[in-house]
Each structure stands twice: as C-alpha cells, then as structure tokens.
Amino acid sequence: MLETPDNSETAKLSLIQSKGTLDWAYPPMILASTAAAMDKEVEIFFTFYGIECLRKDTSRLRVSPVGNPAMPLKLPFGPKWLQNVNWRVLPDIVWSLPGMTGLSTRLFHKTLARHNQLPFDELRAICLDMGVKFTVCQMSMELLGYTRDDLIEGLDYAGAATYFARSPSQQSLFI
C-alpha cells in the first residue's frame, strides 16, 4: 500500500509555463483548475514565452502546426470521413505557407467549441477565481520587453530564485 506523507507539500502543485502558443496555453490552466478544485494550493510560474498567456488581449495566441509533429490536424466539421483525415501527412512546408497558422488557430477554436471547452480567457479567469497563483518571471518579463500594463490584473512578480524558494519540492511540472 502506498502511503502519502503527512505534510503540507502534498497539497501543493507548481507548474512552469514556458510556451506562448494557444495549444500550449490550455494544459497548465486545465491542470491548475483541476488541482484547485481538489483543494490543492496551485501556482503557475510564467517564464519566457509563457508570459504571452497573461496578456490582456490574447488574440495573438496562435496554434502553429510547424515543427509540432504530434499535433493531429483534423477538421472539426464536415462529413465524418473528412473529419477523420489527419492532414498532418502534409509536409511542414505546406503548414508554413501564409495563412496556415491563422487557419490552424481558427480550426483549433472550432474544435474547442465543438467539445464544449471554454475560451482561453474564461478558463484563465476561472483559475484566478479559484485561487490559482499566477507568478511572472521578472527577468523574462524585462528581457522580452513586457510591461505590467500589457498583462492582466492579479499577478505576482518574482525571480526564479524566489519562485523556487517557495515552490513545493514535489509535484512540480514544466510545461
């Protein structure tokens, strides 16, 4: 029988968000909201391109199929046989043509809606309402030229050393 240690570390979850595309923005929010619903104390540390997920205007979050070979590229509409075609068989050069990132992003939004998933802004707001702590890496913010005015309200700002000093020694995930 597996025993759970009796300490406060078991009730904490730490996530590091380093990606700034729409398809990479969802997993940390889904994990964080699920953990918060299970009464865990959750913190997401946003570093480098992950800071894009904290902009007031998230319309710049895109899905890029280029260099993402595991990403299935299927249509969220049309006859079933067409929906089952994985367009990933097309070479990356096709997906790098002008307009393909926009198309992939629109199709991703349609797929989310078809599966009754929340828009990213709403999921992010729910996480904040549930008490998930959002911490921005101060060094990354300065390095990449973000200002506090670019970002949503309710954020904490800290360097990596401060973040690691207060993060749990277990259940940390890098996304």
N, C-alpha and C. Protein backbone atom coordinates (compact mmCIF):
# COMPACT_ATOMS: atom_id res chain seq x y z
N MET A 1 0.84 -1.18 0.00
CA MET A 1 0.00 0.00 0.00
C MET A 1 0.88 1.24 0.00
N LEU A 2 0.58 2.17 -0.88
CA LEU A 2 1.34 3.40 -0.99
C LEU A 2 0.84 4.39 0.04
N GLU A 3 1.76 4.88 0.84
CA GLU A 3 1.38 5.86 1.86
C GLU A 3 1.73 7.26 1.39
N THR A 4 0.86 8.19 1.70
CA THR A 4 1.09 9.59 1.38
C THR A 4 1.68 10.26 2.61
N PRO A 5 2.84 10.93 2.45
CA PRO A 5 3.43 11.61 3.59
C PRO A 5 2.46 12.65 4.15
N ASP A 6 2.47 12.81 5.45
CA ASP A 6 1.57 13.76 6.10
C ASP A 6 2.31 15.09 6.28
N ASN A 7 2.34 15.88 5.22
CA ASN A 7 2.93 17.22 5.31
C ASN A 7 2.23 18.13 4.31
N SER A 8 2.47 19.42 4.44
CA SER A 8 1.77 20.39 3.61
C SER A 8 2.22 20.36 2.15
N GLU A 9 3.38 19.75 1.87
CA GLU A 9 3.87 19.68 0.50
C GLU A 9 2.93 18.88 -0.40
N THR A 10 2.21 17.91 0.16
CA THR A 10 1.34 17.08 -0.67
C THR A 10 0.12 17.83 -1.18
N ALA A 11 -0.17 18.97 -0.60
CA ALA A 11 -1.35 19.74 -1.01
C ALA A 11 -0.98 20.89 -1.94
N LYS A 12 0.22 20.84 -2.52
CA LYS A 12 0.67 21.92 -3.38
C LYS A 12 1.04 21.39 -4.76
N LEU A 13 0.81 22.21 -5.76
CA LEU A 13 1.21 21.89 -7.12
C LEU A 13 1.83 23.12 -7.73
N SER A 14 2.94 22.92 -8.38
CA SER A 14 3.64 24.00 -9.05
C SER A 14 3.79 23.66 -10.53
N LEU A 15 3.43 24.61 -11.38
CA LEU A 15 3.55 24.44 -12.82
C LEU A 15 4.43 25.56 -13.37
N ILE A 16 5.26 25.23 -14.34
CA ILE A 16 6.07 26.23 -15.01
C ILE A 16 5.59 26.32 -16.45
N GLN A 17 5.09 27.48 -16.84
CA GLN A 17 4.55 27.71 -18.19
C GLN A 17 5.58 28.48 -18.99
N SER A 18 6.18 27.82 -19.98
CA SER A 18 7.21 28.48 -20.78
C SER A 18 6.83 28.65 -22.24
N LYS A 19 5.68 28.14 -22.64
CA LYS A 19 5.26 28.21 -24.04
C LYS A 19 4.18 29.28 -24.21
N GLY A 20 4.16 29.91 -25.37
CA GLY A 20 3.23 31.01 -25.59
C GLY A 20 2.32 30.84 -26.78
N THR A 21 1.99 29.58 -27.12
CA THR A 21 1.04 29.36 -28.20
C THR A 21 -0.27 28.87 -27.59
N LEU A 22 -1.35 29.01 -28.34
CA LEU A 22 -2.67 28.67 -27.82
C LEU A 22 -2.77 27.21 -27.40
N ASP A 23 -2.22 26.31 -28.19
CA ASP A 23 -2.30 24.89 -27.84
C ASP A 23 -1.48 24.55 -26.59
N TRP A 24 -0.47 25.34 -26.30
CA TRP A 24 0.33 25.13 -25.08
C TRP A 24 -0.20 25.95 -23.90
N ALA A 25 -1.14 26.83 -24.14
CA ALA A 25 -1.70 27.65 -23.07
C ALA A 25 -2.73 26.88 -22.26
N TYR A 26 -3.44 25.97 -22.89
CA TYR A 26 -4.51 25.23 -22.22
C TYR A 26 -4.05 24.23 -21.16
N PRO A 27 -3.06 23.37 -21.41
CA PRO A 27 -2.73 22.33 -20.42
C PRO A 27 -2.45 22.84 -19.01
N PRO A 28 -1.66 23.90 -18.82
CA PRO A 28 -1.43 24.36 -17.45
C PRO A 28 -2.72 24.85 -16.77
N MET A 29 -3.60 25.51 -17.54
CA MET A 29 -4.84 26.02 -16.95
C MET A 29 -5.78 24.87 -16.58
N ILE A 30 -5.83 23.84 -17.42
CA ILE A 30 -6.66 22.68 -17.12
C ILE A 30 -6.13 21.96 -15.89
N LEU A 31 -4.83 21.74 -15.84
CA LEU A 31 -4.23 21.07 -14.67
C LEU A 31 -4.40 21.91 -13.40
N ALA A 32 -4.17 23.21 -13.53
CA ALA A 32 -4.28 24.10 -12.36
C ALA A 32 -5.70 24.15 -11.83
N SER A 33 -6.69 24.30 -12.72
CA SER A 33 -8.07 24.38 -12.25
C SER A 33 -8.52 23.05 -11.65
N THR A 34 -8.06 21.95 -12.21
CA THR A 34 -8.41 20.63 -11.66
C THR A 34 -7.80 20.46 -10.27
N ALA A 35 -6.52 20.81 -10.13
CA ALA A 35 -5.86 20.69 -8.83
C ALA A 35 -6.51 21.62 -7.80
N ALA A 36 -6.85 22.84 -8.21
CA ALA A 36 -7.51 23.78 -7.29
C ALA A 36 -8.87 23.24 -6.86
N ALA A 37 -9.59 22.59 -7.77
CA ALA A 37 -10.89 22.00 -7.43
C ALA A 37 -10.72 20.84 -6.44
N MET A 38 -9.52 20.27 -6.41
CA MET A 38 -9.21 19.18 -5.47
C MET A 38 -8.55 19.71 -4.20
N ASP A 39 -8.71 21.02 -3.97
CA ASP A 39 -8.20 21.69 -2.77
C ASP A 39 -6.68 21.71 -2.66
N LYS A 40 -6.00 21.71 -3.79
CA LYS A 40 -4.55 21.87 -3.77
C LYS A 40 -4.22 23.35 -3.92
N GLU A 41 -3.15 23.75 -3.32
CA GLU A 41 -2.63 25.10 -3.50
C GLU A 41 -1.80 25.08 -4.78
N VAL A 42 -2.16 25.92 -5.74
CA VAL A 42 -1.55 25.86 -7.06
C VAL A 42 -0.91 27.18 -7.43
N GLU A 43 0.26 27.08 -8.02
CA GLU A 43 0.95 28.25 -8.55
C GLU A 43 1.46 27.92 -9.95
N ILE A 44 1.27 28.84 -10.87
CA ILE A 44 1.87 28.73 -12.20
C ILE A 44 2.90 29.84 -12.33
N PHE A 45 4.12 29.44 -12.68
CA PHE A 45 5.21 30.38 -12.90
C PHE A 45 5.35 30.57 -14.40
N PHE A 46 5.09 31.77 -14.88
CA PHE A 46 5.12 32.09 -16.30
C PHE A 46 6.48 32.68 -16.65
N THR A 47 7.21 31.97 -17.49
CA THR A 47 8.53 32.41 -17.88
C THR A 47 8.67 32.43 -19.39
N PHE A 48 9.56 33.24 -19.88
CA PHE A 48 9.80 33.42 -21.30
C PHE A 48 8.49 33.57 -22.08
N TYR A 49 8.26 32.75 -23.10
CA TYR A 49 7.11 32.95 -23.98
C TYR A 49 5.78 32.62 -23.31
N GLY A 50 5.82 31.96 -22.19
CA GLY A 50 4.60 31.67 -21.43
C GLY A 50 3.92 32.94 -20.95
N ILE A 51 4.67 34.03 -20.86
CA ILE A 51 4.10 35.31 -20.43
C ILE A 51 3.02 35.78 -21.42
N GLU A 52 3.10 35.34 -22.67
CA GLU A 52 2.07 35.69 -23.66
C GLU A 52 0.67 35.30 -23.17
N CYS A 53 0.60 34.25 -22.37
CA CYS A 53 -0.69 33.75 -21.86
C CYS A 53 -1.33 34.70 -20.86
N LEU A 54 -0.58 35.69 -20.42
CA LEU A 54 -1.07 36.63 -19.41
C LEU A 54 -1.41 38.00 -19.98
N ARG A 55 -1.29 38.15 -21.27
CA ARG A 55 -1.64 39.44 -21.88
C ARG A 55 -3.14 39.71 -21.71
N LYS A 56 -3.47 40.98 -21.60
CA LYS A 56 -4.89 41.37 -21.55
C LYS A 56 -5.59 40.92 -22.82
N ASP A 57 -4.94 41.11 -23.93
CA ASP A 57 -5.51 40.72 -25.22
C ASP A 57 -4.83 39.42 -25.67
N THR A 58 -5.58 38.33 -25.66
CA THR A 58 -5.00 37.03 -26.02
C THR A 58 -5.24 36.67 -27.49
N SER A 59 -5.69 37.62 -28.28
CA SER A 59 -5.95 37.32 -29.69
C SER A 59 -4.66 36.98 -30.44
N ARG A 60 -3.52 37.30 -29.87
CA ARG A 60 -2.24 36.96 -30.51
C ARG A 60 -1.82 35.52 -30.25
N LEU A 61 -2.51 34.82 -29.35
CA LEU A 61 -2.18 33.41 -29.10
C LEU A 61 -2.61 32.61 -30.33
N ARG A 62 -1.69 31.91 -30.92
CA ARG A 62 -1.93 31.17 -32.14
C ARG A 62 -1.53 29.70 -31.96
N VAL A 63 -2.00 28.89 -32.89
CA VAL A 63 -1.60 27.49 -32.98
C VAL A 63 -0.69 27.37 -34.19
N SER A 64 0.50 26.85 -33.99
CA SER A 64 1.42 26.67 -35.11
C SER A 64 1.68 25.18 -35.32
N PRO A 65 1.22 24.64 -36.44
CA PRO A 65 1.46 23.23 -36.70
C PRO A 65 2.89 22.93 -37.15
N VAL A 66 3.65 23.95 -37.52
CA VAL A 66 5.02 23.73 -37.99
C VAL A 66 5.88 23.27 -36.82
N GLY A 67 6.60 22.20 -37.05
CA GLY A 67 7.50 21.68 -36.02
C GLY A 67 6.78 21.03 -34.85
N ASN A 68 5.53 20.68 -35.03
CA ASN A 68 4.75 20.05 -33.97
C ASN A 68 4.18 18.73 -34.54
N PRO A 69 5.05 17.73 -34.74
CA PRO A 69 4.63 16.52 -35.46
C PRO A 69 3.59 15.67 -34.73
N ALA A 70 3.44 15.83 -33.44
CA ALA A 70 2.45 15.03 -32.70
C ALA A 70 1.06 15.64 -32.77
N MET A 71 0.96 16.87 -33.24
CA MET A 71 -0.32 17.55 -33.27
C MET A 71 -1.20 17.01 -34.39
N PRO A 72 -2.37 16.41 -34.04
CA PRO A 72 -3.26 15.96 -35.11
C PRO A 72 -3.92 17.17 -35.76
N LEU A 73 -4.03 17.15 -37.04
CA LEU A 73 -4.64 18.24 -37.78
C LEU A 73 -5.87 17.70 -38.49
N LYS A 74 -7.01 17.83 -37.82
CA LYS A 74 -8.26 17.31 -38.34
C LYS A 74 -9.29 18.43 -38.39
N LEU A 75 -10.22 18.30 -39.31
CA LEU A 75 -11.28 19.29 -39.44
C LEU A 75 -12.36 19.06 -38.37
N PRO A 76 -12.86 20.13 -37.76
CA PRO A 76 -13.91 19.98 -36.75
C PRO A 76 -15.32 20.02 -37.34
N PHE A 77 -15.43 19.93 -38.64
CA PHE A 77 -16.74 19.98 -39.30
C PHE A 77 -16.67 19.13 -40.56
N GLY A 78 -17.83 18.95 -41.18
CA GLY A 78 -17.92 18.18 -42.41
C GLY A 78 -18.30 16.74 -42.14
N PRO A 79 -18.36 15.91 -43.20
CA PRO A 79 -18.72 14.51 -43.00
C PRO A 79 -17.66 13.79 -42.16
N LYS A 80 -18.09 12.74 -41.48
CA LYS A 80 -17.19 12.01 -40.57
C LYS A 80 -15.91 11.56 -41.26
N TRP A 81 -16.03 11.05 -42.49
CA TRP A 81 -14.84 10.56 -43.17
C TRP A 81 -13.82 11.69 -43.36
N LEU A 82 -14.29 12.91 -43.61
CA LEU A 82 -13.39 14.05 -43.78
C LEU A 82 -12.81 14.49 -42.43
N GLN A 83 -13.64 14.43 -41.38
CA GLN A 83 -13.15 14.77 -40.04
C GLN A 83 -12.07 13.80 -39.57
N ASN A 84 -12.09 12.58 -40.07
CA ASN A 84 -11.12 11.57 -39.64
C ASN A 84 -9.78 11.65 -40.37
N VAL A 85 -9.71 12.47 -41.41
CA VAL A 85 -8.45 12.62 -42.13
C VAL A 85 -7.50 13.45 -41.28
N ASN A 86 -6.30 12.94 -41.06
CA ASN A 86 -5.27 13.70 -40.34
C ASN A 86 -4.39 14.38 -41.38
N TRP A 87 -4.56 15.68 -41.50
CA TRP A 87 -3.85 16.45 -42.50
C TRP A 87 -2.38 16.63 -42.15
N ARG A 88 -1.94 16.02 -41.06
CA ARG A 88 -0.53 16.06 -40.65
C ARG A 88 0.35 15.39 -41.71
N VAL A 89 -0.23 14.58 -42.59
CA VAL A 89 0.56 13.91 -43.62
C VAL A 89 1.20 14.92 -44.58
N LEU A 90 0.64 16.13 -44.64
CA LEU A 90 1.23 17.16 -45.50
C LEU A 90 2.55 17.63 -44.88
N PRO A 91 3.54 17.92 -45.69
CA PRO A 91 4.85 18.35 -45.15
C PRO A 91 4.76 19.72 -44.47
N ASP A 92 5.70 19.97 -43.58
CA ASP A 92 5.74 21.24 -42.85
C ASP A 92 5.78 22.45 -43.78
N ILE A 93 6.34 22.29 -44.96
CA ILE A 93 6.41 23.44 -45.88
C ILE A 93 5.01 23.94 -46.23
N VAL A 94 4.03 23.05 -46.30
CA VAL A 94 2.65 23.45 -46.57
C VAL A 94 2.11 24.26 -45.40
N TRP A 95 2.40 23.80 -44.18
CA TRP A 95 1.88 24.46 -42.98
C TRP A 95 2.58 25.79 -42.71
N SER A 96 3.71 26.02 -43.38
CA SER A 96 4.42 27.30 -43.18
C SER A 96 3.99 28.36 -44.19
N LEU A 97 3.10 28.00 -45.11
CA LEU A 97 2.61 28.98 -46.08
C LEU A 97 1.79 30.08 -45.38
N PRO A 98 1.75 31.27 -45.96
CA PRO A 98 0.96 32.35 -45.36
C PRO A 98 -0.50 31.93 -45.16
N GLY A 99 -1.02 32.25 -44.00
CA GLY A 99 -2.41 31.96 -43.68
C GLY A 99 -2.65 30.63 -42.97
N MET A 100 -1.67 29.72 -42.98
CA MET A 100 -1.89 28.40 -42.39
C MET A 100 -1.94 28.45 -40.86
N THR A 101 -1.15 29.33 -40.25
CA THR A 101 -1.23 29.46 -38.79
C THR A 101 -2.59 30.00 -38.40
N GLY A 102 -3.09 30.99 -39.12
CA GLY A 102 -4.43 31.52 -38.86
C GLY A 102 -5.50 30.47 -39.05
N LEU A 103 -5.38 29.68 -40.10
CA LEU A 103 -6.34 28.60 -40.34
C LEU A 103 -6.30 27.58 -39.22
N SER A 104 -5.10 27.16 -38.83
CA SER A 104 -4.96 26.19 -37.74
C SER A 104 -5.55 26.74 -36.44
N THR A 105 -5.35 28.02 -36.19
CA THR A 105 -5.89 28.64 -34.97
C THR A 105 -7.41 28.65 -34.99
N ARG A 106 -7.99 29.03 -36.12
CA ARG A 106 -9.46 29.04 -36.24
C ARG A 106 -10.03 27.63 -36.07
N LEU A 107 -9.39 26.66 -36.67
CA LEU A 107 -9.87 25.28 -36.55
C LEU A 107 -9.72 24.78 -35.11
N PHE A 108 -8.67 25.19 -34.42
CA PHE A 108 -8.48 24.82 -33.01
C PHE A 108 -9.60 25.41 -32.16
N HIS A 109 -9.94 26.68 -32.40
CA HIS A 109 -11.05 27.31 -31.68
C HIS A 109 -12.37 26.57 -31.94
N LYS A 110 -12.60 26.19 -33.19
CA LYS A 110 -13.83 25.46 -33.53
C LYS A 110 -13.86 24.08 -32.85
N THR A 111 -12.71 23.42 -32.80
CA THR A 111 -12.63 22.12 -32.14
C THR A 111 -12.92 22.26 -30.65
N LEU A 112 -12.37 23.27 -30.02
CA LEU A 112 -12.63 23.53 -28.59
C LEU A 112 -14.12 23.76 -28.36
N ALA A 113 -14.73 24.60 -29.19
CA ALA A 113 -16.16 24.90 -29.04
C ALA A 113 -17.01 23.65 -29.26
N ARG A 114 -16.63 22.84 -30.24
CA ARG A 114 -17.37 21.61 -30.53
C ARG A 114 -17.35 20.65 -29.35
N HIS A 115 -16.29 20.70 -28.57
CA HIS A 115 -16.15 19.84 -27.39
C HIS A 115 -16.54 20.57 -26.10
N ASN A 116 -17.25 21.68 -26.24
CA ASN A 116 -17.74 22.46 -25.11
C ASN A 116 -16.64 22.91 -24.15
N GLN A 117 -15.49 23.25 -24.70
CA GLN A 117 -14.40 23.76 -23.89
C GLN A 117 -14.49 25.29 -23.84
N LEU A 118 -14.07 25.85 -22.74
CA LEU A 118 -14.12 27.30 -22.57
C LEU A 118 -13.08 28.01 -23.42
N PRO A 119 -13.40 29.22 -23.85
CA PRO A 119 -12.35 30.04 -24.46
C PRO A 119 -11.23 30.26 -23.44
N PHE A 120 -10.03 30.47 -23.94
CA PHE A 120 -8.87 30.58 -23.05
C PHE A 120 -9.04 31.66 -21.98
N ASP A 121 -9.52 32.83 -22.37
CA ASP A 121 -9.69 33.93 -21.41
C ASP A 121 -10.58 33.52 -20.23
N GLU A 122 -11.65 32.79 -20.53
CA GLU A 122 -12.56 32.35 -19.47
C GLU A 122 -11.91 31.32 -18.56
N LEU A 123 -11.19 30.38 -19.14
CA LEU A 123 -10.50 29.37 -18.33
C LEU A 123 -9.46 30.02 -17.43
N ARG A 124 -8.73 30.98 -17.96
CA ARG A 124 -7.73 31.71 -17.18
C ARG A 124 -8.40 32.46 -16.02
N ALA A 125 -9.53 33.10 -16.28
CA ALA A 125 -10.26 33.83 -15.23
C ALA A 125 -10.76 32.87 -14.15
N ILE A 126 -11.23 31.70 -14.55
CA ILE A 126 -11.68 30.71 -13.57
C ILE A 126 -10.53 30.29 -12.67
N CYS A 127 -9.37 30.08 -13.25
CA CYS A 127 -8.20 29.72 -12.44
C CYS A 127 -7.91 30.78 -11.39
N LEU A 128 -7.93 32.04 -11.80
CA LEU A 128 -7.69 33.12 -10.84
C LEU A 128 -8.78 33.15 -9.78
N ASP A 129 -10.04 32.97 -10.18
CA ASP A 129 -11.15 32.95 -9.23
C ASP A 129 -11.03 31.80 -8.23
N MET A 130 -10.44 30.70 -8.67
CA MET A 130 -10.27 29.53 -7.81
C MET A 130 -9.05 29.66 -6.89
N GLY A 131 -8.31 30.76 -7.03
CA GLY A 131 -7.17 30.99 -6.16
C GLY A 131 -5.84 30.51 -6.70
N VAL A 132 -5.78 30.13 -7.97
CA VAL A 132 -4.50 29.75 -8.55
C VAL A 132 -3.63 31.00 -8.61
N LYS A 133 -2.42 30.87 -8.12
CA LYS A 133 -1.49 32.00 -8.09
C LYS A 133 -0.72 32.04 -9.40
N PHE A 134 -0.75 33.17 -10.06
CA PHE A 134 0.00 33.38 -11.30
C PHE A 134 1.21 34.25 -10.97
N THR A 135 2.40 33.71 -11.18
CA THR A 135 3.63 34.45 -10.93
C THR A 135 4.39 34.64 -12.24
N VAL A 136 4.77 35.88 -12.51
CA VAL A 136 5.51 36.22 -13.72
C VAL A 136 6.99 36.28 -13.38
N CYS A 137 7.81 35.66 -14.21
CA CYS A 137 9.26 35.74 -14.05
C CYS A 137 9.71 37.15 -14.39
N GLN A 138 10.20 37.84 -13.40
CA GLN A 138 10.61 39.23 -13.57
C GLN A 138 11.71 39.37 -14.61
N MET A 139 12.69 38.47 -14.59
CA MET A 139 13.80 38.55 -15.54
C MET A 139 13.30 38.36 -16.97
N SER A 140 12.44 37.35 -17.19
CA SER A 140 11.90 37.11 -18.54
C SER A 140 11.07 38.30 -19.01
N MET A 141 10.31 38.86 -18.11
CA MET A 141 9.46 39.99 -18.43
C MET A 141 10.31 41.16 -18.94
N GLU A 142 11.37 41.46 -18.21
CA GLU A 142 12.26 42.56 -18.60
C GLU A 142 13.02 42.23 -19.88
N LEU A 143 13.50 40.99 -19.99
CA LEU A 143 14.26 40.56 -21.15
C LEU A 143 13.45 40.66 -22.44
N LEU A 144 12.18 40.28 -22.37
CA LEU A 144 11.33 40.25 -23.55
C LEU A 144 10.53 41.54 -23.76
N GLY A 145 10.68 42.50 -22.86
CA GLY A 145 10.07 43.81 -23.06
C GLY A 145 8.62 43.94 -22.66
N TYR A 146 8.12 43.05 -21.83
CA TYR A 146 6.75 43.18 -21.34
C TYR A 146 6.70 44.25 -20.25
N THR A 147 5.54 44.91 -20.15
CA THR A 147 5.32 45.83 -19.04
C THR A 147 4.10 45.33 -18.26
N ARG A 148 3.95 45.79 -17.05
CA ARG A 148 2.79 45.39 -16.24
C ARG A 148 1.48 45.83 -16.89
N ASP A 149 1.52 46.91 -17.65
CA ASP A 149 0.33 47.39 -18.35
C ASP A 149 -0.13 46.44 -19.45
N ASP A 150 0.80 45.60 -19.97
CA ASP A 150 0.46 44.62 -21.01
C ASP A 150 -0.34 43.45 -20.45
N LEU A 151 -0.22 43.23 -19.14
CA LEU A 151 -0.71 42.00 -18.54
C LEU A 151 -1.97 42.20 -17.70
N ILE A 152 -2.67 41.10 -17.45
CA ILE A 152 -3.90 41.14 -16.66
C ILE A 152 -3.59 41.50 -15.21
N GLU A 153 -4.64 41.81 -14.48
CA GLU A 153 -4.51 42.13 -13.05
C GLU A 153 -4.41 40.84 -12.23
N GLY A 154 -3.93 40.96 -11.01
CA GLY A 154 -3.91 39.84 -10.09
C GLY A 154 -2.68 38.96 -10.17
N LEU A 155 -1.60 39.49 -10.74
CA LEU A 155 -0.38 38.71 -10.90
C LEU A 155 0.63 39.02 -9.81
N ASP A 156 1.50 38.05 -9.57
CA ASP A 156 2.63 38.23 -8.67
C ASP A 156 3.87 38.28 -9.56
N TYR A 157 4.88 39.00 -9.14
CA TYR A 157 6.11 39.13 -9.92
C TYR A 157 7.27 38.69 -9.03
N ALA A 158 8.11 37.79 -9.56
CA ALA A 158 9.23 37.29 -8.78
C ALA A 158 10.30 36.73 -9.71
N GLY A 159 11.49 36.63 -9.20
CA GLY A 159 12.57 35.99 -9.94
C GLY A 159 12.51 34.48 -9.72
N ALA A 160 13.31 33.76 -10.47
CA ALA A 160 13.32 32.30 -10.37
C ALA A 160 13.71 31.83 -8.97
N ALA A 161 14.68 32.48 -8.36
CA ALA A 161 15.12 32.06 -7.02
C ALA A 161 13.98 32.18 -6.00
N THR A 162 13.23 33.26 -6.05
CA THR A 162 12.09 33.44 -5.15
C THR A 162 11.04 32.37 -5.41
N TYR A 163 10.77 32.13 -6.69
CA TYR A 163 9.78 31.11 -7.04
C TYR A 163 10.19 29.74 -6.49
N PHE A 164 11.42 29.33 -6.74
CA PHE A 164 11.85 28.01 -6.27
C PHE A 164 11.94 27.92 -4.75
N ALA A 165 12.23 29.02 -4.09
CA ALA A 165 12.29 29.01 -2.63
C ALA A 165 10.93 28.71 -2.01
N ARG A 166 9.86 29.09 -2.69
CA ARG A 166 8.53 28.87 -2.12
C ARG A 166 7.75 27.75 -2.79
N SER A 167 8.29 27.17 -3.86
CA SER A 167 7.56 26.11 -4.54
C SER A 167 7.77 24.77 -3.83
N PRO A 168 6.82 23.85 -3.99
CA PRO A 168 6.94 22.57 -3.31
C PRO A 168 8.08 21.75 -3.89
N SER A 169 8.62 20.86 -3.06
CA SER A 169 9.72 20.02 -3.51
C SER A 169 9.22 18.86 -4.37
N GLN A 170 7.93 18.61 -4.35
CA GLN A 170 7.33 17.56 -5.18
C GLN A 170 6.18 18.15 -5.97
N GLN A 171 5.75 17.41 -6.98
CA GLN A 171 4.63 17.81 -7.83
C GLN A 171 4.85 19.13 -8.53
N SER A 172 6.03 19.30 -9.11
CA SER A 172 6.29 20.44 -9.97
C SER A 172 6.31 19.94 -11.40
N LEU A 173 5.63 20.65 -12.28
CA LEU A 173 5.54 20.23 -13.69
C LEU A 173 6.02 21.36 -14.57
N PHE A 174 6.86 21.02 -15.55
CA PHE A 174 7.35 22.01 -16.51
C PHE A 174 6.61 21.79 -17.81
N ILE A 175 5.88 22.82 -18.24
CA ILE A 175 5.06 22.70 -19.45
C ILE A 175 5.52 23.73 -20.46
